[in-house]
Amino acid sequence: MTQRSNGEREVRPFSASAVLDEVAEALTTIRKDDRLTFADMAAILGKSEDQAAKYCAGSAEMGLIAYARARREWNGRFSGGLDRLCEQTRPGMVNDHAATNSILKAALALSVALEDGKVDPEEVRANRATLENARDAIEAQLAKLAPKPSAGRKS
């Protein structure tokens, strides 16, 4: 598991593996920082040492009771990354960092394609996903300009 600061954290899709990875990363960091054994973590989580080790490895899904115990014990140290993952992957949410990266990747692809003075259909086809991601990112940025409905307004 690669440790990154929050500013360097890549945005991952909201998938089961992303959730397990996020929980594993948090628990591994807590275990290391607090110098806990799997037995210590098991006592807090109300699980066996084996199960605590599986949570740290990202190879087991955590039940609600164990999650609540971890959240109570370690608060944002445990759940902060998972909270960010949930927030950043909500449908319709615009992640400005990811959007900018998508746009710049498309600009680079077009720049490379344009080195011979023109962009061929084959080059567009080869970069289609990159260009479509950039289009979606630009549309999401422009959507910020759309008027917002007034809250509590009666018609």
Protein backbone atom coordinates (compact mmCIF):
# COMPACT_ATOMS: atom_id res chain seq x y z
CA MET A 1 0.00 0.00 0.00
CA THR A 2 1.39 3.36 -0.99
CA GLN A 3 1.08 6.07 1.62
CA ARG A 4 0.21 9.45 0.17
CA SER A 5 -0.73 12.78 1.67
CA ASN A 6 -4.30 13.93 1.12
CA GLY A 7 -3.16 16.35 -1.59
CA GLU A 8 -1.48 13.55 -3.54
CA ARG A 9 -4.28 11.03 -3.16
CA GLU A 10 -5.61 9.79 -6.45
CA VAL A 11 -9.34 9.80 -6.93
CA ARG A 12 -10.58 6.23 -7.12
CA PRO A 13 -13.95 5.00 -8.33
CA PHE A 14 -16.44 3.99 -5.65
CA SER A 15 -16.05 0.26 -5.83
CA ALA A 16 -15.85 -2.53 -3.29
CA SER A 17 -12.10 -2.77 -3.80
CA ALA A 18 -11.65 1.00 -3.34
CA VAL A 19 -13.61 0.85 -0.07
CA LEU A 20 -11.60 -2.14 1.20
CA ASP A 21 -8.34 -0.44 0.19
CA GLU A 22 -9.30 2.77 1.98
CA VAL A 23 -10.22 0.94 5.20
CA ALA A 24 -7.06 -1.18 4.99
CA GLU A 25 -4.88 1.89 4.49
CA ALA A 26 -6.45 3.68 7.45
CA LEU A 27 -6.18 0.68 9.78
CA THR A 28 -2.60 -0.06 8.73
CA THR A 29 -1.60 3.55 9.40
CA ILE A 30 -3.35 3.54 12.79
CA ARG A 31 -1.76 0.21 13.69
CA LYS A 32 1.71 1.51 12.80
CA ASP A 33 1.30 4.98 14.36
CA ASP A 34 -0.22 3.67 17.60
CA ARG A 35 2.06 0.59 17.72
CA LEU A 36 -0.91 -1.73 18.04
CA THR A 37 -0.88 -5.48 17.59
CA PHE A 38 -3.60 -7.37 15.78
CA ALA A 39 -4.73 -8.52 19.24
CA ASP A 40 -5.08 -4.88 20.33
CA MET A 41 -7.11 -4.05 17.23
CA ALA A 42 -9.20 -7.20 17.63
CA ALA A 43 -10.14 -6.17 21.18
CA ILE A 44 -11.29 -2.75 19.98
CA LEU A 45 -13.19 -4.11 16.98
CA GLY A 46 -14.72 -7.04 18.86
CA LYS A 47 -13.25 -9.49 16.35
CA SER A 48 -10.51 -12.10 16.24
CA GLU A 49 -6.86 -11.32 15.57
CA ASP A 50 -7.18 -13.07 12.20
CA GLN A 51 -10.13 -10.86 11.25
CA ALA A 52 -8.31 -7.68 12.33
CA ALA A 53 -5.36 -8.74 10.14
CA LYS A 54 -7.72 -9.31 7.21
CA TYR A 55 -9.19 -5.81 7.64
CA CYS A 56 -5.66 -4.36 7.59
CA ALA A 57 -4.86 -6.34 4.45
CA GLY A 58 -8.07 -5.27 2.73
CA SER A 59 -9.12 -8.87 2.26
CA ALA A 60 -12.29 -8.83 4.36
CA GLU A 61 -15.38 -6.67 4.49
CA MET A 62 -16.05 -5.06 7.85
CA GLY A 63 -19.47 -5.36 9.45
CA LEU A 64 -21.39 -2.40 10.84
CA ILE A 65 -20.61 -3.10 14.51
CA ALA A 66 -16.85 -3.36 13.90
CA TYR A 67 -17.00 -0.24 11.72
CA ALA A 68 -18.82 1.69 14.46
CA ARG A 69 -16.29 0.56 17.06
CA ALA A 70 -13.40 1.65 14.83
CA ARG A 71 -15.06 4.98 14.15
CA ARG A 72 -15.72 5.53 17.87
CA GLU A 73 -12.11 4.67 18.76
CA TRP A 74 -10.22 6.43 15.97
CA ASN A 75 -12.77 8.90 14.57
CA GLY A 76 -11.52 10.69 11.43
CA ARG A 77 -8.22 8.85 11.43
CA PHE A 78 -10.21 5.76 10.57
CA SER A 79 -13.13 7.08 8.55
CA GLY A 80 -11.74 10.29 7.02
CA GLY A 81 -10.42 8.64 3.86
CA LEU A 82 -13.61 6.65 3.40
CA ASP A 83 -15.69 9.80 3.91
CA ARG A 84 -13.64 11.57 1.22
CA LEU A 85 -14.05 8.61 -1.13
CA CYS A 86 -17.82 8.75 -0.64
CA GLU A 87 -17.95 12.51 -1.19
CA GLN A 88 -15.65 12.58 -4.21
CA THR A 89 -17.45 9.79 -6.05
CA ARG A 90 -21.04 10.96 -5.65
CA PRO A 91 -22.89 11.06 -8.96
CA GLY A 92 -22.81 14.57 -10.34
CA MET A 93 -19.93 15.71 -8.14
CA VAL A 94 -17.17 17.59 -9.91
CA ASN A 95 -13.68 16.84 -8.71
CA ASP A 96 -11.73 19.86 -9.96
CA HIS A 97 -8.35 18.14 -9.68
CA ALA A 98 -9.49 15.10 -11.69
CA ALA A 99 -11.31 17.31 -14.21
CA THR A 100 -8.22 19.42 -14.79
CA ASN A 101 -6.09 16.29 -15.22
CA SER A 102 -8.54 14.92 -17.82
CA ILE A 103 -8.46 18.17 -19.77
CA LEU A 104 -4.67 18.39 -19.68
CA LYS A 105 -4.29 14.75 -20.76
CA ALA A 106 -6.46 15.50 -23.80
CA ALA A 107 -4.49 18.66 -24.56
CA LEU A 108 -1.25 16.67 -24.44
CA ALA A 109 -2.68 13.93 -26.68
CA LEU A 110 -3.80 16.52 -29.23
CA SER A 111 -0.47 18.32 -29.04
CA VAL A 112 1.43 15.09 -29.75
CA ALA A 113 -0.96 14.24 -32.61
CA LEU A 114 -0.50 17.73 -34.06
CA GLU A 115 3.29 17.45 -34.28
CA ASP A 116 3.01 16.63 -38.01
CA GLY A 117 0.66 19.60 -38.58
CA LYS A 118 -2.67 17.75 -38.55
CA VAL A 119 -4.75 15.46 -36.36
CA ASP A 120 -5.73 12.33 -38.28
CA PRO A 121 -8.91 10.34 -37.61
CA GLU A 122 -6.70 7.45 -36.45
CA GLU A 123 -5.13 9.69 -33.82
CA VAL A 124 -8.59 10.82 -32.68
CA ARG A 125 -9.70 7.18 -32.50
CA ALA A 126 -6.60 6.22 -30.52
CA ASN A 127 -7.28 9.02 -28.04
CA ARG A 128 -11.07 8.80 -28.03
CA ALA A 129 -11.46 7.87 -24.34
CA THR A 130 -9.08 10.65 -23.29
CA LEU A 131 -10.95 13.19 -25.43
CA GLU A 132 -14.34 12.03 -24.15
CA ASN A 133 -13.16 12.27 -20.54
CA ALA A 134 -11.99 15.83 -21.23
CA ARG A 135 -15.32 16.69 -22.86
CA ASP A 136 -17.17 15.39 -19.80
CA ALA A 137 -14.85 17.34 -17.49
CA ILE A 138 -15.40 20.56 -19.45
CA GLU A 139 -19.17 20.03 -19.43
CA ALA A 140 -19.08 19.47 -15.67
CA GLN A 141 -17.16 22.72 -15.20
CA LEU A 142 -19.60 24.62 -17.43
CA ALA A 143 -22.53 23.14 -15.51
CA LYS A 144 -21.35 25.15 -12.52
CA LEU A 145 -22.65 28.21 -14.36
CA ALA A 146 -26.22 26.91 -14.63
CA PRO A 147 -28.70 28.80 -12.48
CA LYS A 148 -29.55 27.00 -9.27
CA PRO A 149 -33.20 26.65 -8.26
CA SER A 150 -34.11 28.83 -5.30
CA ALA A 151 -34.57 26.88 -2.11
CA GLY A 152 -37.91 27.28 -0.39
CA ARG A 153 -39.37 29.24 -3.28
CA LYS A 154 -43.09 28.71 -3.76
CA SER A 155 -44.78 29.02 -7.11
